Amino acid sequence: MFYALHGPEGGQPLLITLPMMASFEEIFGSEMAPVLQGYLDQLTDRYRVLLVDYPSIGGSRDIEPEALTASRVCADLLGVATAAGFDQFAYWGYSWGGNVGLQLACRTDRLSALVVGGWPALGAPYSALLAAAQLKLPNPEPSSRVVLRQPGQYAQWIHYGLSISAWPERDAVARINCPRMNVFGSEGDLEEAGIPVPIATSIRRHRRTLEALGWHVHEVMGQGHALCMLPNVAVPPVRRFLDQVLG
């Protein structure tokens, strides 16, 4: 996978994933460059930030869609972290990237902290999102076509979803023991291909359980699922959390 590093060489290692990517500006255009720069400006005084392009995106090579499974994604991320010189590192992902963070935290002891944004750590709508992706496969929406080089590559998200369709969420999440945060916009529920995808609602429903399990849950009022594209709103609460738990 193609990757890029930002910040001081001796900084605290932090891997940030989708929708922030190594080729963010090349993918989304120069008008969106301030979004990524807003993250870096607020983090790189202390953190060594690693950004990656997933397979079939940006500077990374194409793979067959069926190859994108949770096991493959986690192995790729651990491999690129090693290549970047990270041993222990904090992970921050949003939406699908938050989904991946849960898988990673259950498969490695290398995470110093975990931030799951815009995705429920418990009660996540895995089946709803998979069903919506299957419906959209014949004609992926423009936002997906911006990220993927070929429309047919959209199927990789379906294969990823299928790979975790039998994942024992509650037992697996209960075993995560690194410092962990679930952050979301209060208006963050979605509808995909006519199917409700409850994100904010589900996090609120499971908030007490998550907090009992040791999660820090932070709701950003008045923001929707696009919270991650507002660095001046999204970064400060996560930065405070990371500074606190990483000391």
C-alpha atoms as a PDB file:
ATOM      1  CA  MET A   1       0.000   0.000   0.000  1.00  0.00           C
ATOM      2  CA  PHE A   2       1.113   3.547  -0.731  1.00  0.00           C
ATOM      3  CA  TYR A   3       1.640   5.641   2.395  1.00  0.00           C
ATOM      4  CA  ALA A   4       2.857   9.033   3.573  1.00  0.00           C
ATOM      5  CA  LEU A   5       4.259  10.270   6.877  1.00  0.00           C
ATOM      6  CA  HIS A   6       3.793  13.713   8.433  1.00  0.00           C
ATOM      7  CA  GLY A   7       5.137  15.208  11.634  1.00  0.00           C
ATOM      8  CA  PRO A   8       8.299  14.814  13.705  1.00  0.00           C
ATOM      9  CA  GLU A   9      10.269  11.601  13.390  1.00  0.00           C
ATOM     10  CA  GLY A  10      10.197  11.127  17.141  1.00  0.00           C
ATOM     11  CA  GLY A  11       6.495  11.917  17.424  1.00  0.00           C
ATOM     12  CA  GLN A  12       3.849   9.683  18.927  1.00  0.00           C
ATOM     13  CA  PRO A  13       2.837   7.178  16.188  1.00  0.00           C
ATOM     14  CA  LEU A  14      -0.714   7.717  14.890  1.00  0.00           C
ATOM     15  CA  LEU A  15      -2.297   5.922  11.924  1.00  0.00           C
ATOM     16  CA  ILE A  16      -5.280   7.816  10.458  1.00  0.00           C
ATOM     17  CA  THR A  17      -7.368   6.022   7.828  1.00  0.00           C
ATOM     18  CA  LEU A  18     -10.378   6.621   5.574  1.00  0.00           C
ATOM     19  CA  PRO A  19     -11.474   9.130   4.584  1.00  0.00           C
ATOM     20  CA  MET A  20      -8.081  10.730   5.201  1.00  0.00           C
ATOM     21  CA  MET A  21      -5.608   9.148   2.795  1.00  0.00           C
ATOM     22  CA  ALA A  22      -2.040   9.550   1.565  1.00  0.00           C
ATOM     23  CA  SER A  23      -3.352  10.765  -1.821  1.00  0.00           C
ATOM     24  CA  PHE A  24      -6.189  12.818  -0.334  1.00  0.00           C
ATOM     25  CA  GLU A  25      -5.653  15.913  -2.479  1.00  0.00           C
ATOM     26  CA  GLU A  26      -5.084  13.944  -5.670  1.00  0.00           C
ATOM     27  CA  ILE A  27      -8.326  12.026  -5.091  1.00  0.00           C
ATOM     28  CA  PHE A  28     -10.639  14.789  -3.876  1.00  0.00           C
ATOM     29  CA  GLY A  29      -9.082  17.813  -5.567  1.00  0.00           C
ATOM     30  CA  SER A  30      -7.102  20.822  -4.409  1.00  0.00           C
ATOM     31  CA  GLU A  31     -10.222  22.539  -3.071  1.00  0.00           C
ATOM     32  CA  MET A  32     -10.408  19.818  -0.402  1.00  0.00           C
ATOM     33  CA  ALA A  33      -6.744  20.077   0.593  1.00  0.00           C
ATOM     34  CA  PRO A  34      -7.546  22.305   3.622  1.00  0.00           C
ATOM     35  CA  VAL A  35      -9.461  19.399   5.183  1.00  0.00           C
ATOM     36  CA  LEU A  36      -6.431  17.153   5.479  1.00  0.00           C
ATOM     37  CA  GLN A  37      -4.192  20.104   6.283  1.00  0.00           C
ATOM     38  CA  GLY A  38      -6.538  20.980   9.125  1.00  0.00           C
ATOM     39  CA  TYR A  39      -5.887  17.548  10.640  1.00  0.00           C
ATOM     40  CA  LEU A  40      -2.141  17.827  10.212  1.00  0.00           C
ATOM     41  CA  ASP A  41      -1.944  21.370  11.586  1.00  0.00           C
ATOM     42  CA  GLN A  42      -3.623  20.230  14.810  1.00  0.00           C
ATOM     43  CA  LEU A  43      -1.713  16.980  15.261  1.00  0.00           C
ATOM     44  CA  THR A  44       1.811  17.111  13.886  1.00  0.00           C
ATOM     45  CA  ASP A  45       3.278  19.174  16.706  1.00  0.00           C
ATOM     46  CA  ARG A  46       3.288  15.953  18.726  1.00  0.00           C
ATOM     47  CA  TYR A  47       2.152  13.091  16.516  1.00  0.00           C
ATOM     48  CA  ARG A  48       3.869  11.251  13.675  1.00  0.00           C
ATOM     49  CA  VAL A  49       0.862  10.810  11.371  1.00  0.00           C
ATOM     50  CA  LEU A  50       0.755   7.872   8.953  1.00  0.00           C
ATOM     51  CA  LEU A  51      -1.732   8.037   6.058  1.00  0.00           C
ATOM     52  CA  VAL A  52      -2.390   5.182   3.641  1.00  0.00           C
ATOM     53  CA  ASP A  53      -4.180   4.504   0.367  1.00  0.00           C
ATOM     54  CA  TYR A  54      -6.172   1.285   0.461  1.00  0.00           C
ATOM     55  CA  PRO A  55      -5.781  -1.196  -2.426  1.00  0.00           C
ATOM     56  CA  SER A  56      -7.350   0.062  -5.674  1.00  0.00           C
ATOM     57  CA  ILE A  57      -7.253   3.653  -4.363  1.00  0.00           C
ATOM     58  CA  GLY A  58      -4.779   6.480  -4.950  1.00  0.00           C
ATOM     59  CA  GLY A  59      -1.158   5.392  -5.132  1.00  0.00           C
ATOM     60  CA  SER A  60      -1.824   1.760  -4.172  1.00  0.00           C
ATOM     61  CA  ARG A  61      -2.047  -1.000  -6.742  1.00  0.00           C
ATOM     62  CA  ASP A  62      -5.282  -2.649  -7.794  1.00  0.00           C
ATOM     63  CA  ILE A  63      -6.382  -5.947  -6.315  1.00  0.00           C
ATOM     64  CA  GLU A  64      -9.281  -8.199  -7.210  1.00  0.00           C
ATOM     65  CA  PRO A  65     -12.394  -7.060  -5.311  1.00  0.00           C
ATOM     66  CA  GLU A  66     -12.831 -10.435  -3.589  1.00  0.00           C
ATOM     67  CA  ALA A  67      -9.360 -10.080  -2.049  1.00  0.00           C
ATOM     68  CA  LEU A  68     -10.454  -7.219   0.210  1.00  0.00           C
ATOM     69  CA  THR A  69     -11.378  -9.091   3.378  1.00  0.00           C
ATOM     70  CA  ALA A  70     -11.015  -7.956   6.976  1.00  0.00           C
ATOM     71  CA  SER A  71      -8.012 -10.248   7.395  1.00  0.00           C
ATOM     72  CA  ARG A  72      -6.355  -8.752   4.308  1.00  0.00           C
ATOM     73  CA  VAL A  73      -7.025  -5.174   5.389  1.00  0.00           C
ATOM     74  CA  CYS A  74      -5.655  -5.746   8.891  1.00  0.00           C
ATOM     75  CA  ALA A  75      -2.563  -7.508   7.574  1.00  0.00           C
ATOM     76  CA  ASP A  76      -1.961  -4.673   5.101  1.00  0.00           C
ATOM     77  CA  LEU A  77      -2.292  -2.027   7.804  1.00  0.00           C
ATOM     78  CA  LEU A  78       0.050  -3.810  10.170  1.00  0.00           C
ATOM     79  CA  GLY A  79       2.516  -4.266   7.343  1.00  0.00           C
ATOM     80  CA  VAL A  80       2.482  -0.603   6.362  1.00  0.00           C
ATOM     81  CA  ALA A  81       2.785   0.436  10.021  1.00  0.00           C
ATOM     82  CA  THR A  82       5.901  -1.724  10.297  1.00  0.00           C
ATOM     83  CA  ALA A  83       7.287  -0.249   7.062  1.00  0.00           C
ATOM     84  CA  ALA A  84       6.735   3.231   8.494  1.00  0.00           C
ATOM     85  CA  GLY A  85       8.707   2.335  11.617  1.00  0.00           C
ATOM     86  CA  PHE A  86       5.704   2.016  13.927  1.00  0.00           C
ATOM     87  CA  ASP A  87       5.675  -0.694  16.590  1.00  0.00           C
ATOM     88  CA  GLN A  88       2.937   0.432  18.984  1.00  0.00           C
ATOM     89  CA  PHE A  89       0.644   3.031  17.429  1.00  0.00           C
ATOM     90  CA  ALA A  90      -2.692   4.761  17.901  1.00  0.00           C
ATOM     91  CA  TYR A  91      -5.377   4.165  15.278  1.00  0.00           C
ATOM     92  CA  TRP A  92      -8.061   6.635  14.181  1.00  0.00           C
ATOM     93  CA  GLY A  93     -10.606   5.738  11.512  1.00  0.00           C
ATOM     94  CA  TYR A  94     -13.951   7.160  10.509  1.00  0.00           C
ATOM     95  CA  SER A  95     -17.023   5.351   9.124  1.00  0.00           C
ATOM     96  CA  TRP A  96     -15.609   2.342   7.217  1.00  0.00           C
ATOM     97  CA  GLY A  97     -12.234   3.229   8.714  1.00  0.00           C
ATOM     98  CA  GLY A  98     -13.771   2.990  12.186  1.00  0.00           C
ATOM     99  CA  ASN A  99     -15.238  -0.382  11.257  1.00  0.00           C
ATOM    100  CA  VAL A 100     -11.737  -1.521  10.281  1.00  0.00           C
ATOM    101  CA  GLY A 101     -10.322  -0.201  13.560  1.00  0.00           C
ATOM    102  CA  LEU A 102     -12.501  -2.606  15.522  1.00  0.00           C
ATOM    103  CA  GLN A 103     -11.246  -5.509  13.436  1.00  0.00           C
ATOM    104  CA  LEU A 104      -7.648  -4.405  13.889  1.00  0.00           C
ATOM    105  CA  ALA A 105      -7.971  -3.975  17.648  1.00  0.00           C
ATOM    106  CA  CYS A 106      -9.291  -7.543  17.915  1.00  0.00           C
ATOM    107  CA  ARG A 107      -6.390  -8.983  15.916  1.00  0.00           C
ATOM    108  CA  THR A 108      -3.298  -7.261  17.315  1.00  0.00           C
ATOM    109  CA  ASP A 109      -1.835  -6.010  20.583  1.00  0.00           C
ATOM    110  CA  ARG A 110       0.068  -3.224  18.803  1.00  0.00           C
ATOM    111  CA  LEU A 111      -2.572  -0.505  19.305  1.00  0.00           C
ATOM    112  CA  SER A 112      -1.747   2.078  21.960  1.00  0.00           C
ATOM    113  CA  ALA A 113      -5.195   3.661  21.504  1.00  0.00           C
ATOM    114  CA  LEU A 114      -8.247   3.237  19.274  1.00  0.00           C
ATOM    115  CA  VAL A 115     -10.573   5.956  17.961  1.00  0.00           C
ATOM    116  CA  VAL A 116     -13.691   4.756  16.158  1.00  0.00           C
ATOM    117  CA  GLY A 117     -15.461   7.681  14.509  1.00  0.00           C
ATOM    118  CA  GLY A 118     -18.831   7.666  12.777  1.00  0.00           C
ATOM    119  CA  TRP A 119     -19.382   3.957  13.373  1.00  0.00           C
ATOM    120  CA  PRO A 120     -20.919   2.163  16.373  1.00  0.00           C
ATOM    121  CA  ALA A 121     -18.502   0.124  18.441  1.00  0.00           C
ATOM    122  CA  LEU A 122     -21.528  -1.938  19.494  1.00  0.00           C
ATOM    123  CA  GLY A 123     -24.776  -2.605  17.654  1.00  0.00           C
ATOM    124  CA  ALA A 124     -23.304  -1.601  14.319  1.00  0.00           C
ATOM    125  CA  PRO A 125     -25.530  -1.891  11.198  1.00  0.00           C
ATOM    126  CA  TYR A 126     -23.302  -4.396   9.379  1.00  0.00           C
ATOM    127  CA  SER A 127     -26.121  -6.222   7.613  1.00  0.00           C
ATOM    128  CA  ALA A 128     -27.881  -3.001   6.568  1.00  0.00           C
ATOM    129  CA  LEU A 129     -24.724  -1.544   5.052  1.00  0.00           C
ATOM    130  CA  LEU A 130     -23.919  -4.791   3.257  1.00  0.00           C
ATOM    131  CA  ALA A 131     -27.442  -4.984   1.807  1.00  0.00           C
ATOM    132  CA  ALA A 132     -27.207  -1.361   0.645  1.00  0.00           C
ATOM    133  CA  ALA A 133     -23.830  -1.977  -0.990  1.00  0.00           C
ATOM    134  CA  GLN A 134     -25.206  -4.967  -2.860  1.00  0.00           C
ATOM    135  CA  LEU A 135     -28.077  -2.848  -4.172  1.00  0.00           C
ATOM    136  CA  LYS A 136     -25.702  -0.091  -5.293  1.00  0.00           C
ATOM    137  CA  LEU A 137     -23.224  -2.418  -7.005  1.00  0.00           C
ATOM    138  CA  PRO A 138     -24.684  -2.081 -10.536  1.00  0.00           C
ATOM    139  CA  ASN A 139     -24.433   1.711 -10.350  1.00  0.00           C
ATOM    140  CA  PRO A 140     -22.203   3.047  -7.546  1.00  0.00           C
ATOM    141  CA  GLU A 141     -22.886   6.614  -6.498  1.00  0.00           C
ATOM    142  CA  PRO A 142     -20.545   9.421  -7.674  1.00  0.00           C
ATOM    143  CA  SER A 143     -18.848   9.697  -4.262  1.00  0.00           C
ATOM    144  CA  SER A 144     -17.654   6.092  -4.577  1.00  0.00           C
ATOM    145  CA  ARG A 145     -16.488   6.631  -8.135  1.00  0.00           C
ATOM    146  CA  VAL A 146     -14.316   9.509  -6.989  1.00  0.00           C
ATOM    147  CA  VAL A 147     -12.398   7.198  -4.668  1.00  0.00           C
ATOM    148  CA  LEU A 148     -12.226   4.009  -6.761  1.00  0.00           C
ATOM    149  CA  ARG A 149     -10.550   3.934 -10.172  1.00  0.00           C
ATOM    150  CA  GLN A 150     -13.116   1.595 -11.759  1.00  0.00           C
ATOM    151  CA  PRO A 151     -16.826   1.210 -10.857  1.00  0.00           C
ATOM    152  CA  GLY A 152     -16.416  -2.578 -10.677  1.00  0.00           C
ATOM    153  CA  GLN A 153     -14.009  -2.173  -7.786  1.00  0.00           C
ATOM    154  CA  TYR A 154     -16.968  -1.131  -5.638  1.00  0.00           C
ATOM    155  CA  ALA A 155     -17.520  -4.849  -5.097  1.00  0.00           C
ATOM    156  CA  GLN A 156     -14.521  -4.888  -2.747  1.00  0.00           C
ATOM    157  CA  TRP A 157     -16.635  -3.241  -0.046  1.00  0.00           C
ATOM    158  CA  ILE A 158     -19.180  -6.047  -0.419  1.00  0.00           C
ATOM    159  CA  HIS A 159     -16.497  -8.707  -0.040  1.00  0.00           C
ATOM    160  CA  TYR A 160     -15.193  -6.924   3.042  1.00  0.00           C
ATOM    161  CA  GLY A 161     -18.706  -6.914   4.517  1.00  0.00           C
ATOM    162  CA  LEU A 162     -19.200 -10.583   3.760  1.00  0.00           C
ATOM    163  CA  SER A 163     -15.901 -11.408   5.472  1.00  0.00           C
ATOM    164  CA  ILE A 164     -17.211 -10.085   8.813  1.00  0.00           C
ATOM    165  CA  SER A 165     -20.848 -11.156   8.463  1.00  0.00           C
ATOM    166  CA  ALA A 166     -20.430 -13.780  11.197  1.00  0.00           C
ATOM    167  CA  TRP A 167     -18.117 -11.704  13.406  1.00  0.00           C
ATOM    168  CA  PRO A 168     -19.079 -12.057  17.117  1.00  0.00           C
ATOM    169  CA  GLU A 169     -19.273  -8.329  17.727  1.00  0.00           C
ATOM    170  CA  ARG A 170     -20.201  -8.153  21.416  1.00  0.00           C
ATOM    171  CA  ASP A 171     -17.673 -10.739  22.616  1.00  0.00           C
ATOM    172  CA  ALA A 172     -14.920  -9.335  20.401  1.00  0.00           C
ATOM    173  CA  VAL A 173     -15.481  -5.719  21.434  1.00  0.00           C
ATOM    174  CA  ALA A 174     -15.534  -6.703  25.110  1.00  0.00           C
ATOM    175  CA  ARG A 175     -11.998  -8.052  24.708  1.00  0.00           C
ATOM    176  CA  ILE A 176     -10.519  -4.799  23.377  1.00  0.00           C
ATOM    177  CA  ASN A 177      -8.433  -3.396  26.209  1.00  0.00           C
ATOM    178  CA  CYS A 178      -6.403  -0.500  24.791  1.00  0.00           C
ATOM    179  CA  PRO A 179      -7.699   3.029  25.529  1.00  0.00           C
ATOM    180  CA  ARG A 180     -10.698   3.491  23.227  1.00  0.00           C
ATOM    181  CA  MET A 181     -13.043   6.206  22.053  1.00  0.00           C
ATOM    182  CA  ASN A 182     -16.285   6.181  20.037  1.00  0.00           C
ATOM    183  CA  VAL A 183     -17.001   9.631  18.556  1.00  0.00           C
ATOM    184  CA  PHE A 184     -19.924  10.627  16.339  1.00  0.00           C
ATOM    185  CA  GLY A 185     -22.164  13.432  15.124  1.00  0.00           C
ATOM    186  CA  SER A 186     -25.579  13.597  16.754  1.00  0.00           C
ATOM    187  CA  GLU A 187     -27.260  13.662  13.325  1.00  0.00           C
ATOM    188  CA  GLY A 188     -25.112  10.864  11.946  1.00  0.00           C
ATOM    189  CA  ASP A 189     -27.741   8.314  10.920  1.00  0.00           C
ATOM    190  CA  LEU A 190     -27.717   7.462   7.204  1.00  0.00           C
ATOM    191  CA  GLU A 191     -29.961   6.033   4.541  1.00  0.00           C
ATOM    192  CA  GLU A 192     -28.209   4.053   1.810  1.00  0.00           C
ATOM    193  CA  ALA A 193     -30.100   2.730  -1.234  1.00  0.00           C
ATOM    194  CA  GLY A 194     -33.320   3.305   0.697  1.00  0.00           C
ATOM    195  CA  ILE A 195     -32.101   1.246   3.678  1.00  0.00           C
ATOM    196  CA  PRO A 196     -31.787   2.933   7.106  1.00  0.00           C
ATOM    197  CA  VAL A 197     -28.236   2.746   8.480  1.00  0.00           C
ATOM    198  CA  PRO A 198     -28.517   3.850  12.139  1.00  0.00           C
ATOM    199  CA  ILE A 199     -25.149   5.079  13.350  1.00  0.00           C
ATOM    200  CA  ALA A 200     -25.779   7.872  15.845  1.00  0.00           C
ATOM    201  CA  THR A 201     -28.930   6.176  17.130  1.00  0.00           C
ATOM    202  CA  SER A 202     -27.100   2.921  17.731  1.00  0.00           C
ATOM    203  CA  ILE A 203     -24.196   4.553  19.568  1.00  0.00           C
ATOM    204  CA  ARG A 204     -26.594   6.395  21.852  1.00  0.00           C
ATOM    205  CA  ARG A 205     -28.511   3.172  22.479  1.00  0.00           C
ATOM    206  CA  HIS A 206     -25.344   1.351  23.545  1.00  0.00           C
ATOM    207  CA  ARG A 207     -23.603   4.237  25.252  1.00  0.00           C
ATOM    208  CA  ARG A 208     -23.958   2.982  28.822  1.00  0.00           C
ATOM    209  CA  THR A 209     -22.745  -0.481  27.859  1.00  0.00           C
ATOM    210  CA  LEU A 210     -19.761   0.951  26.022  1.00  0.00           C
ATOM    211  CA  GLU A 211     -18.853   3.198  28.938  1.00  0.00           C
ATOM    212  CA  ALA A 212     -19.133   0.227  31.304  1.00  0.00           C
ATOM    213  CA  LEU A 213     -16.663  -1.574  29.042  1.00  0.00           C
ATOM    214  CA  GLY A 214     -14.216   1.315  29.350  1.00  0.00           C
ATOM    215  CA  TRP A 215     -15.009   3.276  26.199  1.00  0.00           C
ATOM    216  CA  HIS A 216     -14.972   7.078  26.131  1.00  0.00           C
ATOM    217  CA  VAL A 217     -18.076   8.059  24.126  1.00  0.00           C
ATOM    218  CA  HIS A 218     -18.236  11.566  22.672  1.00  0.00           C
ATOM    219  CA  GLU A 219     -21.244  12.966  20.806  1.00  0.00           C
ATOM    220  CA  VAL A 220     -20.757  16.125  18.724  1.00  0.00           C
ATOM    221  CA  MET A 221     -24.082  17.911  18.754  1.00  0.00           C
ATOM    222  CA  GLY A 222     -25.546  19.292  15.538  1.00  0.00           C
ATOM    223  CA  GLN A 223     -23.185  17.406  13.226  1.00  0.00           C
ATOM    224  CA  GLY A 224     -23.960  14.638  10.767  1.00  0.00           C
ATOM    225  CA  HIS A 225     -21.921  11.853   9.228  1.00  0.00           C
ATOM    226  CA  ALA A 226     -19.727  14.423   7.449  1.00  0.00           C
ATOM    227  CA  LEU A 227     -18.239  15.420  10.807  1.00  0.00           C
ATOM    228  CA  CYS A 228     -14.883  13.992   9.741  1.00  0.00           C
ATOM    229  CA  MET A 229     -14.599  16.596   6.968  1.00  0.00           C
ATOM    230  CA  LEU A 230     -14.660  19.431   9.525  1.00  0.00           C
ATOM    231  CA  PRO A 231     -11.201  19.292  11.119  1.00  0.00           C
ATOM    232  CA  ASN A 232     -11.775  22.209  13.476  1.00  0.00           C
ATOM    233  CA  VAL A 233     -14.739  20.314  14.948  1.00  0.00           C
ATOM    234  CA  ALA A 234     -13.570  16.707  14.605  1.00  0.00           C
ATOM    235  CA  VAL A 235      -9.959  16.934  15.755  1.00  0.00           C
ATOM    236  CA  PRO A 236     -10.055  18.749  19.145  1.00  0.00           C
ATOM    237  CA  PRO A 237     -12.023  16.112  21.138  1.00  0.00           C
ATOM    238  CA  VAL A 238      -9.946  13.290  19.691  1.00  0.00           C
ATOM    239  CA  ARG A 239      -6.722  15.191  20.314  1.00  0.00           C
ATOM    240  CA  ARG A 240      -7.708  15.700  23.963  1.00  0.00           C
ATOM    241  CA  PHE A 241      -8.450  11.999  24.314  1.00  0.00           C
ATOM    242  CA  LEU A 242      -5.171  10.919  22.732  1.00  0.00           C
ATOM    243  CA  ASP A 243      -3.124  13.381  24.752  1.00  0.00           C
ATOM    244  CA  GLN A 244      -4.736  12.105  27.940  1.00  0.00           C
ATOM    245  CA  VAL A 245      -4.399   8.368  27.347  1.00  0.00           C
ATOM    246  CA  LEU A 246      -0.980   8.472  25.694  1.00  0.00           C
ATOM    247  CA  GLY A 247       0.458  10.725  28.358  1.00  0.00           C
END
